[in-house]
């Protein structure tokens, strides 16, 4: 009788030890271990973009456009008008941020406005209208005014 008890106890201990450490997370399916896929062979590896924004062109309409890192003196925004809040957006309680990217040109004009993050109900259009009226002092490179990229953020909230 004691031998039977010892045999059942040994069988129980071995089976619990074998099943307690399966190596898989609870509820997981599939086989273990999962082999990793082989690296893709490409003759010239391309850099992985770190942002969802498209890269900035260095030349637009034959003119070099600088980033803030490339200039000796950064541009200064002197006046940034507040956009109107359209009735449709007010009625729909639309709120949020519109983010624009534009070129603030050496001739003190705003060019090539593009919407990075927009809003419905005419808010993106109102932000573009306001961006066209921005007054600024252009960036300086080698003692001359130059065109540069800028992101303009407009916040739309109901008071």
Protein backbone atom coordinates (compact mmCIF):
# COMPACT_ATOMS: atom_id res chain seq x y z
CA UNK A 1 0.00 0.00 0.00
CA UNK A 2 2.77 2.41 0.87
CA UNK A 3 4.56 1.54 -2.39
CA UNK A 4 1.42 2.40 -4.34
CA UNK A 5 1.13 5.68 -2.47
CA UNK A 6 4.80 6.52 -3.20
CA UNK A 7 4.41 5.68 -6.89
CA UNK A 8 1.30 7.87 -7.27
CA UNK A 9 2.97 10.72 -5.35
CA UNK A 10 6.10 10.53 -7.54
CA UNK A 11 3.98 10.49 -10.69
CA UNK A 12 1.99 13.49 -9.45
CA UNK A 13 5.14 15.50 -8.61
CA UNK A 14 6.78 14.78 -11.96
CA UNK A 15 3.66 15.68 -13.93
CA UNK A 16 3.12 19.01 -12.12
CA UNK A 17 6.77 19.98 -12.61
CA UNK A 18 6.57 19.19 -16.32
CA UNK A 19 3.35 21.15 -16.93
CA UNK A 20 4.00 24.16 -14.69
CA UNK A 21 6.85 25.62 -16.80
CA UNK A 22 5.64 25.50 -20.37
CA UNK A 23 7.47 28.68 -21.43
CA UNK A 24 4.37 30.27 -22.97
CA UNK A 25 2.30 33.12 -21.72
CA UNK A 26 -1.11 32.26 -20.40
CA UNK A 27 -3.58 32.00 -23.24
CA UNK A 28 -0.95 32.11 -25.98
CA UNK A 29 -1.20 29.89 -28.99
CA UNK A 30 1.34 28.71 -31.48
CA UNK A 31 4.60 26.89 -31.16
CA UNK A 32 7.55 27.89 -29.05
CA UNK A 33 10.20 29.07 -29.79
CA UNK A 34 9.21 31.18 -32.79
CA UNK A 35 12.10 31.70 -35.20
CA UNK A 36 12.77 35.30 -36.19
CA UNK A 37 12.47 36.11 -39.88
CA UNK A 38 15.74 36.39 -41.79
CA UNK A 39 16.91 39.94 -42.49
CA UNK A 40 15.92 41.27 -45.88
CA UNK A 41 18.84 41.51 -48.24
CA UNK A 42 18.96 44.94 -49.85
CA UNK A 43 21.94 46.45 -51.61
CA UNK A 44 21.43 49.93 -50.13
CA UNK A 45 19.68 50.21 -46.76
CA UNK A 46 17.31 53.16 -46.58
CA UNK A 47 17.05 55.18 -43.37
CA UNK A 48 13.89 54.61 -41.39
CA UNK A 49 11.86 57.79 -41.06
CA UNK A 50 11.44 58.95 -37.46
CA UNK A 51 8.42 61.12 -38.10
CA UNK A 52 5.18 60.83 -39.98
CA UNK A 53 5.80 64.23 -41.53
CA UNK A 54 7.17 64.33 -45.05
CA UNK A 55 10.77 65.51 -45.28
CA UNK A 56 11.43 69.15 -46.05
CA UNK A 57 12.63 69.97 -49.55
CA UNK A 58 15.81 72.01 -49.55
CA UNK A 59 14.96 73.87 -52.76
CA UNK A 60 11.53 75.22 -53.69
CA UNK A 61 10.94 77.16 -56.92
CA UNK A 62 14.69 77.36 -57.48
CA UNK A 63 15.28 78.99 -54.09
CA UNK A 64 17.18 77.39 -51.19
CA UNK A 65 15.00 76.97 -48.09
CA UNK A 66 16.81 76.72 -44.75
CA UNK A 67 15.91 75.08 -41.47
CA UNK A 68 16.50 76.84 -38.15
CA UNK A 69 19.71 74.81 -37.66
CA UNK A 70 21.20 76.08 -40.94
CA UNK A 71 20.95 79.83 -40.29
CA UNK A 72 23.08 82.27 -38.33
CA UNK A 73 20.10 84.19 -36.95
CA UNK A 74 16.65 82.59 -36.58
CA UNK A 75 13.52 84.19 -37.96
CA UNK A 76 11.32 86.20 -35.61
CA UNK A 77 7.54 86.16 -35.82
CA UNK A 78 6.36 89.69 -35.09
CA UNK A 79 2.60 89.24 -35.54
CA UNK A 80 0.57 86.03 -35.73
CA UNK A 81 -3.12 86.85 -36.27
CA UNK A 82 -5.78 84.78 -34.55
CA UNK A 83 -8.04 82.95 -37.01
CA UNK A 84 -11.81 83.41 -37.00
CA UNK A 85 -13.97 80.60 -35.63
CA UNK A 86 -16.52 79.62 -38.33
CA UNK A 87 -20.22 79.21 -37.40
CA UNK A 88 -20.24 75.62 -38.62
CA UNK A 89 -17.38 74.69 -36.27
CA UNK A 90 -19.06 76.53 -33.38
CA UNK A 91 -22.35 74.75 -34.06
CA UNK A 92 -20.63 71.32 -34.18
CA UNK A 93 -18.48 72.11 -31.15
CA UNK A 94 -15.37 71.33 -33.23
CA UNK A 95 -12.10 72.03 -31.45
CA UNK A 96 -8.46 71.06 -31.59
CA UNK A 97 -5.24 72.09 -33.30
CA UNK A 98 -4.40 72.92 -36.89
CA UNK A 99 -0.70 72.55 -37.66
CA UNK A 100 0.62 74.17 -40.82
CA UNK A 101 4.04 74.13 -42.42
CA UNK A 102 5.01 77.14 -44.47
CA UNK A 103 7.96 78.94 -45.97
CA UNK A 104 8.63 82.36 -44.51
CA UNK A 105 10.46 83.87 -47.44
CA UNK A 106 13.38 86.28 -47.53
CA UNK A 107 11.08 88.89 -49.15
CA UNK A 108 8.83 88.80 -46.03
CA UNK A 109 6.00 86.84 -47.65
CA UNK A 110 4.43 83.56 -46.55
CA UNK A 111 4.66 80.88 -49.25
CA UNK A 112 3.82 77.20 -49.77
CA UNK A 113 1.46 76.65 -46.85
CA UNK A 114 0.59 73.00 -46.30
CA UNK A 115 -1.64 71.41 -43.68
CA UNK A 116 0.10 68.82 -41.49
CA UNK A 117 -2.81 68.36 -39.08
CA UNK A 118 -6.21 69.70 -40.05
CA UNK A 119 -9.70 70.10 -38.65
CA UNK A 120 -13.11 69.98 -40.34
CA UNK A 121 -15.83 72.64 -40.55
CA UNK A 122 -13.62 75.27 -42.17
CA UNK A 123 -11.07 75.49 -39.35
CA UNK A 124 -8.11 74.46 -41.52
CA UNK A 125 -9.07 77.09 -44.11
CA UNK A 126 -9.32 79.80 -41.42
CA UNK A 127 -5.89 78.81 -40.10
CA UNK A 128 -4.43 79.13 -43.63
CA UNK A 129 -6.00 82.59 -44.01
CA UNK A 130 -4.44 83.67 -40.71
CA UNK A 131 -1.05 82.19 -41.67
CA UNK A 132 -0.99 84.28 -44.86
CA UNK A 133 -1.10 87.40 -42.68
CA UNK A 134 1.85 86.50 -40.43
CA UNK A 135 4.41 89.32 -40.10
CA UNK A 136 8.01 88.30 -39.44
CA UNK A 137 11.67 89.19 -39.66
CA UNK A 138 13.38 86.66 -41.99
CA UNK A 139 16.22 84.40 -40.90
CA UNK A 140 19.77 85.57 -41.63
CA UNK A 141 22.52 83.49 -43.25
CA UNK A 142 25.92 85.04 -44.08
CA UNK A 143 24.49 88.50 -43.43
CA UNK A 144 21.60 88.12 -45.92
CA UNK A 145 17.90 87.37 -45.33
CA UNK A 146 16.97 83.84 -46.37
CA UNK A 147 13.79 81.79 -46.65
CA UNK A 148 13.12 79.19 -43.99
CA UNK A 149 10.61 76.56 -42.94
CA UNK A 150 8.32 77.08 -39.98
CA UNK A 151 5.47 75.19 -38.34
CA UNK A 152 2.51 77.31 -37.30
CA UNK A 153 0.13 75.92 -34.69
CA UNK A 154 -3.39 77.29 -34.29
CA UNK A 155 -5.53 76.21 -31.34
CA UNK A 156 -9.29 76.26 -31.72
CA UNK A 157 -11.33 76.14 -28.51
CA UNK A 158 -14.76 77.35 -27.49
CA UNK A 159 -14.90 79.64 -24.49
